[in-house]
Amino acid sequence: MNMNPMKLLQMQESFNRFKNNHPKFPLFVNAVMKEGIKEGTVIEITVTTPEGKHYNSNLKVTADDLELIESLKQ
């Protein structure tokens, strides 16, 4: 898969802005990745809107999910 170098540069700039805006999130992701996501791991997500409405969901990681994660790493 070939990627346009300009698009890659834009993505890098966007990611750098994201890291500057949310410095704790990459640290969190690195800590999780260091421990390793294994089959059976439960990932929970909570979203709170500015109005205070909450949305919650979770998923249990499957072997297929791990395969997708590995392909994205490459």
Protein backbone atom coordinates (compact mmCIF):
# COMPACT_ATOMS: atom_id res chain seq x y z
CA MET A 1 0.00 0.00 0.00
CA ASN A 2 1.54 3.30 -1.13
CA MET A 3 0.78 6.46 0.78
CA ASN A 4 1.08 9.98 -0.56
CA PRO A 5 4.08 11.61 1.23
CA MET A 6 2.12 14.86 1.70
CA LYS A 7 -0.77 12.96 3.32
CA LEU A 8 1.71 11.18 5.58
CA LEU A 9 3.21 14.52 6.62
CA GLN A 10 -0.26 15.93 7.35
CA MET A 11 -1.07 12.87 9.47
CA GLN A 12 2.17 13.30 11.41
CA GLU A 13 1.38 16.96 12.08
CA SER A 14 -2.15 16.07 13.19
CA PHE A 15 -0.83 13.36 15.49
CA ASN A 16 1.69 15.79 17.02
CA ARG A 17 -1.11 18.28 17.71
CA PHE A 18 -3.17 15.48 19.28
CA LYS A 19 -0.24 14.54 21.56
CA ASN A 20 0.20 18.19 22.57
CA ASN A 21 -3.51 18.58 23.29
CA HIS A 22 -3.78 15.28 25.19
CA PRO A 23 -0.32 14.50 26.63
CA LYS A 24 -1.54 11.80 29.06
CA PHE A 25 -3.31 9.71 26.41
CA PRO A 26 -0.20 8.49 24.55
CA LEU A 27 1.35 7.61 27.94
CA PHE A 28 -1.77 5.59 28.78
CA VAL A 29 -1.68 3.77 25.43
CA ASN A 30 2.04 3.03 25.83
CA ALA A 31 1.44 1.58 29.32
CA VAL A 32 -1.34 -0.65 27.99
CA MET A 33 0.75 -1.78 25.02
CA LYS A 34 3.72 -2.51 27.30
CA GLU A 35 1.53 -4.85 29.36
CA GLY A 36 0.11 -6.28 26.16
CA ILE A 37 -3.44 -6.76 24.99
CA LYS A 38 -4.28 -10.44 25.13
CA GLU A 39 -7.28 -12.45 24.01
CA GLY A 40 -9.97 -12.03 26.66
CA THR A 41 -8.90 -8.48 27.60
CA VAL A 42 -11.92 -6.22 28.14
CA ILE A 43 -11.72 -2.68 26.75
CA GLU A 44 -14.26 -0.24 28.16
CA ILE A 45 -15.08 3.15 26.69
CA THR A 46 -17.09 5.96 28.27
CA VAL A 47 -18.00 9.14 26.40
CA THR A 48 -19.49 12.13 28.23
CA THR A 49 -20.96 14.93 26.13
CA PRO A 50 -20.59 18.59 27.17
CA GLU A 51 -24.26 18.36 28.24
CA GLY A 52 -23.42 15.54 30.65
CA LYS A 53 -24.94 12.63 28.71
CA HIS A 54 -22.98 9.37 29.12
CA TYR A 55 -22.42 6.60 26.59
CA ASN A 56 -20.69 3.40 27.74
CA SER A 57 -19.58 0.33 25.85
CA ASN A 58 -17.09 -2.50 26.17
CA LEU A 59 -15.65 -5.30 24.11
CA LYS A 60 -13.78 -8.48 24.86
CA VAL A 61 -10.73 -8.84 22.62
CA THR A 62 -10.82 -11.88 20.32
CA ALA A 63 -8.12 -13.64 18.31
CA ASP A 64 -9.48 -11.87 15.20
CA ASP A 65 -9.07 -8.51 16.94
CA LEU A 66 -5.44 -9.32 17.76
CA GLU A 67 -4.84 -10.24 14.13
CA LEU A 68 -6.22 -6.84 13.06
CA ILE A 69 -4.02 -5.03 15.61
CA GLU A 70 -0.93 -6.83 14.31
CA SER A 71 -1.76 -5.94 10.69
CA LEU A 72 -2.21 -2.27 11.66
CA LYS A 73 1.19 -2.24 13.36
CA GLN A 74 2.78 -3.14 10.04
